[in-house]
Each structure stands twice: as C-alpha cells, then as structure tokens.
C-alpha cells in the first residue's frame, strides 16, 4: 500500500485571527464592494499558517458599514459564522439576517454574498471542508485581476513514501 508522508503540523496553539495582514479586496465599478480578507488557516495563501489544518480552511472577512462581499459561487460547501456586526446573507434566492453569534450554511456552488447592514464593522469567518477552493465572482476582484479565484495548498517539499 502506498503512503504519503505528511508534513508535521505546528504544535497545537491558539491562533489570533487578527494577527495576520489582511488583503484589501474590491470590485472595480462598485464602490461598496470593498472588504478585507484574512487567510490564517488556509495553507498556501499569503500569511497563511501551517497550524494543523490539513483538510479544512478558513477565511476571515471584515466589512465596513454599507459595504458588501459580491455574489459568488464556491466549489465547496461553506459555513459562515458572524462574529461581529449585523449582516444580510443572500444565499440563492433567499436573504436572511445574520448577526454576531449566528451562522448560515452555503451549499456547494450556490450563489451567495454578504452585506453589512449595521453601524459597526462586521466580521465573518468562512469555514471550508477542503484545502482547495475555486470561487467564481460575476466581475473580477482586485487585487486578483480575475473573477475566478483559486486557492490551493503550496506544493509540499516533503518526500513521498511509496
């Protein structure tokens, strides 16, 4: 039976989600489509860590009042957890209120977006059950310069046993 050597994860520890440098993301032509995204447990992403997440990833999103994450489709199911603020989550044809302490499930390939409808910065954590993801937006996002964003782990430098 073939086996694959796994990279030894970092020691178990608490991760401060706000310690990572975020990426400012926007959509040209839509001044409200502005957010800050953090990828702390997303292997292979800028500022991502190797904190033991081998089969899942998360992204942290900050939305200022009035701003939104444009509608898009993800290649995997996503669990959205609001940790601060008041949001509207549009999933498919439904729009629901989502506030701190609440979550919503987004099925694989279902169009979805978020809007901050409150008066404070909203924070959302998106959990994915895989370390590779393809997100497709209707319009290109900057600084990526494309409407199709692919996230996948960096190639392992560890030798593989067979």
C-alpha atoms as a PDB file:
ATOM      1  CA  UNK A   1       0.000   0.000   0.000  1.00  0.00           C
ATOM      2  CA  UNK A   2       1.333   3.433  -0.922  1.00  0.00           C
ATOM      3  CA  UNK A   3       1.598   6.036   1.792  1.00  0.00           C
ATOM      4  CA  UNK A   4       2.262   9.721   1.637  1.00  0.00           C
ATOM      5  CA  UNK A   5       4.489  11.426   4.160  1.00  0.00           C
ATOM      6  CA  UNK A   6       2.642  14.242   5.863  1.00  0.00           C
ATOM      7  CA  UNK A   7       4.300  17.425   6.947  1.00  0.00           C
ATOM      8  CA  UNK A   8       4.371  17.590  10.712  1.00  0.00           C
ATOM      9  CA  UNK A   9       1.874  20.300  11.794  1.00  0.00           C
ATOM     10  CA  UNK A  10       2.927  23.106  14.094  1.00  0.00           C
ATOM     11  CA  UNK A  11       2.368  22.482  17.781  1.00  0.00           C
ATOM     12  CA  UNK A  12      -1.197  22.922  18.975  1.00  0.00           C
ATOM     13  CA  UNK A  13      -1.733  26.543  19.879  1.00  0.00           C
ATOM     14  CA  UNK A  14      -4.285  29.324  19.843  1.00  0.00           C
ATOM     15  CA  UNK A  15      -4.344  31.402  16.660  1.00  0.00           C
ATOM     16  CA  UNK A  16      -5.094  35.110  16.933  1.00  0.00           C
ATOM     17  CA  UNK A  17      -7.227  35.668  13.851  1.00  0.00           C
ATOM     18  CA  UNK A  18      -6.451  39.375  13.726  1.00  0.00           C
ATOM     19  CA  UNK A  19      -2.657  38.966  13.806  1.00  0.00           C
ATOM     20  CA  UNK A  20      -2.469  38.372  10.075  1.00  0.00           C
ATOM     21  CA  UNK A  21      -2.041  41.012   7.427  1.00  0.00           C
ATOM     22  CA  UNK A  22      -5.270  41.241   5.502  1.00  0.00           C
ATOM     23  CA  UNK A  23      -5.729  41.670   1.785  1.00  0.00           C
ATOM     24  CA  UNK A  24      -7.843  44.626   0.671  1.00  0.00           C
ATOM     25  CA  UNK A  25     -10.269  43.294  -1.918  1.00  0.00           C
ATOM     26  CA  UNK A  26     -12.583  45.337  -4.138  1.00  0.00           C
ATOM     27  CA  UNK A  27     -14.548  45.195  -7.341  1.00  0.00           C
ATOM     28  CA  UNK A  28     -13.981  47.952  -9.872  1.00  0.00           C
ATOM     29  CA  UNK A  29     -17.124  49.930 -10.655  1.00  0.00           C
ATOM     30  CA  UNK A  30     -18.819  49.067  -7.331  1.00  0.00           C
ATOM     31  CA  UNK A  31     -17.597  51.381  -4.573  1.00  0.00           C
ATOM     32  CA  UNK A  32     -19.420  49.338  -1.885  1.00  0.00           C
ATOM     33  CA  UNK A  33     -17.758  46.063  -2.930  1.00  0.00           C
ATOM     34  CA  UNK A  34     -14.816  46.541  -0.564  1.00  0.00           C
ATOM     35  CA  UNK A  35     -13.624  44.197   2.146  1.00  0.00           C
ATOM     36  CA  UNK A  36     -10.563  42.952   3.962  1.00  0.00           C
ATOM     37  CA  UNK A  37      -9.845  39.226   3.867  1.00  0.00           C
ATOM     38  CA  UNK A  38      -7.531  37.191   6.113  1.00  0.00           C
ATOM     39  CA  UNK A  39      -6.430  33.639   5.361  1.00  0.00           C
ATOM     40  CA  UNK A  40      -4.938  32.401   8.665  1.00  0.00           C
ATOM     41  CA  UNK A  41      -5.721  28.691   8.289  1.00  0.00           C
ATOM     42  CA  UNK A  42      -5.518  28.485   4.533  1.00  0.00           C
ATOM     43  CA  UNK A  43      -2.339  26.619   3.585  1.00  0.00           C
ATOM     44  CA  UNK A  44      -0.524  28.149   0.635  1.00  0.00           C
ATOM     45  CA  UNK A  45      -2.160  31.570   0.905  1.00  0.00           C
ATOM     46  CA  UNK A  46      -0.246  34.726   1.778  1.00  0.00           C
ATOM     47  CA  UNK A  47       0.073  34.969   5.547  1.00  0.00           C
ATOM     48  CA  UNK A  48      -1.477  31.524   5.978  1.00  0.00           C
ATOM     49  CA  UNK A  49      -0.141  29.273   8.706  1.00  0.00           C
ATOM     50  CA  UNK A  50       0.507  25.586   8.961  1.00  0.00           C
ATOM     51  CA  UNK A  51      -1.397  25.305  12.230  1.00  0.00           C
ATOM     52  CA  UNK A  52      -2.644  21.782  11.688  1.00  0.00           C
ATOM     53  CA  UNK A  53      -5.437  22.466   9.193  1.00  0.00           C
ATOM     54  CA  UNK A  54      -4.755  19.701   6.695  1.00  0.00           C
ATOM     55  CA  UNK A  55      -8.278  19.078   5.435  1.00  0.00           C
ATOM     56  CA  UNK A  56     -10.047  22.380   6.005  1.00  0.00           C
ATOM     57  CA  UNK A  57      -9.518  26.091   5.565  1.00  0.00           C
ATOM     58  CA  UNK A  58     -10.992  29.299   6.763  1.00  0.00           C
ATOM     59  CA  UNK A  59     -11.133  32.872   5.631  1.00  0.00           C
ATOM     60  CA  UNK A  60     -11.901  35.857   7.856  1.00  0.00           C
ATOM     61  CA  UNK A  61     -13.756  38.772   6.283  1.00  0.00           C
ATOM     62  CA  UNK A  62     -14.196  42.336   7.552  1.00  0.00           C
ATOM     63  CA  UNK A  63     -16.885  44.545   6.036  1.00  0.00           C
ATOM     64  CA  UNK A  64     -17.260  48.214   6.900  1.00  0.00           C
ATOM     65  CA  UNK A  65     -20.828  49.584   7.288  1.00  0.00           C
ATOM     66  CA  UNK A  66     -22.603  49.719   3.921  1.00  0.00           C
ATOM     67  CA  UNK A  67     -20.037  47.514   2.148  1.00  0.00           C
ATOM     68  CA  UNK A  68     -20.603  44.039   0.757  1.00  0.00           C
ATOM     69  CA  UNK A  69     -18.953  40.858  -0.451  1.00  0.00           C
ATOM     70  CA  UNK A  70     -20.223  40.432  -4.037  1.00  0.00           C
ATOM     71  CA  UNK A  71     -22.215  37.386  -5.062  1.00  0.00           C
ATOM     72  CA  UNK A  72     -20.097  34.380  -5.980  1.00  0.00           C
ATOM     73  CA  UNK A  73     -20.094  30.582  -6.089  1.00  0.00           C
ATOM     74  CA  UNK A  74     -17.663  28.353  -4.185  1.00  0.00           C
ATOM     75  CA  UNK A  75     -16.606  24.877  -5.223  1.00  0.00           C
ATOM     76  CA  UNK A  76     -17.293  23.576  -1.687  1.00  0.00           C
ATOM     77  CA  UNK A  77     -19.906  23.989   0.998  1.00  0.00           C
ATOM     78  CA  UNK A  78     -19.186  26.910   3.337  1.00  0.00           C
ATOM     79  CA  UNK A  79     -20.201  27.585   6.912  1.00  0.00           C
ATOM     80  CA  UNK A  80     -20.475  31.349   7.534  1.00  0.00           C
ATOM     81  CA  UNK A  81     -20.130  32.423  11.174  1.00  0.00           C
ATOM     82  CA  UNK A  82     -20.778  36.061  12.090  1.00  0.00           C
ATOM     83  CA  UNK A  83     -18.527  37.134  14.967  1.00  0.00           C
ATOM     84  CA  UNK A  84     -19.377  40.871  14.998  1.00  0.00           C
ATOM     85  CA  UNK A  85     -21.877  43.225  13.415  1.00  0.00           C
ATOM     86  CA  UNK A  86     -25.149  42.878  11.554  1.00  0.00           C
ATOM     87  CA  UNK A  87     -25.264  41.392   8.077  1.00  0.00           C
ATOM     88  CA  UNK A  88     -27.593  40.253   5.373  1.00  0.00           C
ATOM     89  CA  UNK A  89     -26.582  36.976   3.790  1.00  0.00           C
ATOM     90  CA  UNK A  90     -28.060  36.263   0.383  1.00  0.00           C
ATOM     91  CA  UNK A  91     -27.882  32.549  -0.385  1.00  0.00           C
ATOM     92  CA  UNK A  92     -29.522  31.528  -3.630  1.00  0.00           C
ATOM     93  CA  UNK A  93     -32.837  33.385  -3.822  1.00  0.00           C
ATOM     94  CA  UNK A  94     -33.132  33.967  -0.062  1.00  0.00           C
ATOM     95  CA  UNK A  95     -31.810  36.812   2.066  1.00  0.00           C
ATOM     96  CA  UNK A  96     -31.508  36.333   5.826  1.00  0.00           C
ATOM     97  CA  UNK A  97     -30.345  38.472   8.733  1.00  0.00           C
ATOM     98  CA  UNK A  98     -27.095  37.251  10.253  1.00  0.00           C
ATOM     99  CA  UNK A  99     -25.705  38.793  13.429  1.00  0.00           C
ATOM    100  CA  UNK A 100     -22.841  38.052  15.801  1.00  0.00           C
ATOM    101  CA  UNK A 101     -23.172  34.551  17.205  1.00  0.00           C
ATOM    102  CA  UNK A 102     -25.184  33.200  14.266  1.00  0.00           C
ATOM    103  CA  UNK A 103     -24.184  31.047  11.324  1.00  0.00           C
ATOM    104  CA  UNK A 104     -25.521  30.003   7.934  1.00  0.00           C
ATOM    105  CA  UNK A 105     -24.660  27.118   5.628  1.00  0.00           C
ATOM    106  CA  UNK A 106     -23.986  27.833   1.960  1.00  0.00           C
ATOM    107  CA  UNK A 107     -24.346  24.740  -0.255  1.00  0.00           C
ATOM    108  CA  UNK A 108     -21.652  23.970  -2.816  1.00  0.00           C
ATOM    109  CA  UNK A 109     -21.956  26.168  -5.965  1.00  0.00           C
ATOM    110  CA  UNK A 110     -24.911  28.153  -4.551  1.00  0.00           C
ATOM    111  CA  UNK A 111     -24.578  31.877  -5.345  1.00  0.00           C
ATOM    112  CA  UNK A 112     -24.110  33.894  -2.164  1.00  0.00           C
ATOM    113  CA  UNK A 113     -22.954  37.264  -0.868  1.00  0.00           C
ATOM    114  CA  UNK A 114     -22.847  39.309   2.323  1.00  0.00           C
ATOM    115  CA  UNK A 115     -23.774  42.909   3.100  1.00  0.00           C
ATOM    116  CA  UNK A 116     -23.000  44.861   6.268  1.00  0.00           C
ATOM    117  CA  UNK A 117     -26.330  46.472   7.215  1.00  0.00           C
ATOM    118  CA  UNK A 118     -25.229  47.617  10.668  1.00  0.00           C
ATOM    119  CA  UNK A 119     -23.349  50.613  12.004  1.00  0.00           C
ATOM    120  CA  UNK A 120     -20.145  48.809  13.028  1.00  0.00           C
ATOM    121  CA  UNK A 121     -17.526  46.768  11.218  1.00  0.00           C
ATOM    122  CA  UNK A 122     -18.863  43.253  10.597  1.00  0.00           C
ATOM    123  CA  UNK A 123     -16.627  40.191  10.958  1.00  0.00           C
ATOM    124  CA  UNK A 124     -17.400  36.824   9.390  1.00  0.00           C
ATOM    125  CA  UNK A 125     -15.466  33.567   9.356  1.00  0.00           C
ATOM    126  CA  UNK A 126     -15.998  31.211   6.426  1.00  0.00           C
ATOM    127  CA  UNK A 127     -15.127  27.544   7.039  1.00  0.00           C
ATOM    128  CA  UNK A 128     -14.499  25.160   4.135  1.00  0.00           C
ATOM    129  CA  UNK A 129     -14.116  21.339   4.330  1.00  0.00           C
ATOM    130  CA  UNK A 130     -11.171  21.282   1.925  1.00  0.00           C
ATOM    131  CA  UNK A 131      -7.815  22.999   1.402  1.00  0.00           C
ATOM    132  CA  UNK A 132      -8.504  23.710  -2.278  1.00  0.00           C
ATOM    133  CA  UNK A 133     -11.224  26.089  -3.372  1.00  0.00           C
ATOM    134  CA  UNK A 134     -12.434  27.778  -6.528  1.00  0.00           C
ATOM    135  CA  UNK A 135     -14.534  30.935  -6.020  1.00  0.00           C
ATOM    136  CA  UNK A 136     -16.223  32.419  -9.089  1.00  0.00           C
ATOM    137  CA  UNK A 137     -17.493  36.014  -8.992  1.00  0.00           C
ATOM    138  CA  UNK A 138     -19.603  37.794 -11.606  1.00  0.00           C
ATOM    139  CA  UNK A 139     -16.957  40.508 -12.059  1.00  0.00           C
ATOM    140  CA  UNK A 140     -13.185  40.473 -11.461  1.00  0.00           C
ATOM    141  CA  UNK A 141     -11.895  41.203  -7.959  1.00  0.00           C
ATOM    142  CA  UNK A 142      -8.821  43.263  -7.247  1.00  0.00           C
ATOM    143  CA  UNK A 143      -6.015  42.742  -6.415  1.00  0.00           C
ATOM    144  CA  UNK A 144      -6.512  39.333  -8.066  1.00  0.00           C
ATOM    145  CA  UNK A 145      -7.415  40.754 -11.509  1.00  0.00           C
ATOM    146  CA  UNK A 146      -9.808  37.883 -12.231  1.00  0.00           C
ATOM    147  CA  UNK A 147     -13.359  36.765 -11.450  1.00  0.00           C
ATOM    148  CA  UNK A 148     -12.182  33.201 -10.786  1.00  0.00           C
ATOM    149  CA  UNK A 149     -10.016  32.822  -7.701  1.00  0.00           C
ATOM    150  CA  UNK A 150      -8.339  29.519  -6.975  1.00  0.00           C
ATOM    151  CA  UNK A 151      -6.912  28.717  -3.554  1.00  0.00           C
ATOM    152  CA  UNK A 152      -4.825  25.599  -3.173  1.00  0.00           C
ATOM    153  CA  UNK A 153      -2.070  24.471  -0.851  1.00  0.00           C
ATOM    154  CA  UNK A 154       1.513  25.167  -1.820  1.00  0.00           C
ATOM    155  CA  UNK A 155       3.264  22.070  -3.176  1.00  0.00           C
ATOM    156  CA  UNK A 156       4.762  20.009  -0.401  1.00  0.00           C
ATOM    157  CA  UNK A 157       8.524  19.882  -0.182  1.00  0.00           C
ATOM    158  CA  UNK A 158       8.304  16.703   1.855  1.00  0.00           C
ATOM    159  CA  UNK A 159       9.406  13.495   0.110  1.00  0.00           C
ATOM    160  CA  UNK A 160       6.639  10.987  -0.500  1.00  0.00           C
ATOM    161  CA  UNK A 161       6.969   7.351   0.558  1.00  0.00           C
ATOM    162  CA  UNK A 162       5.573   4.697  -1.723  1.00  0.00           C
END
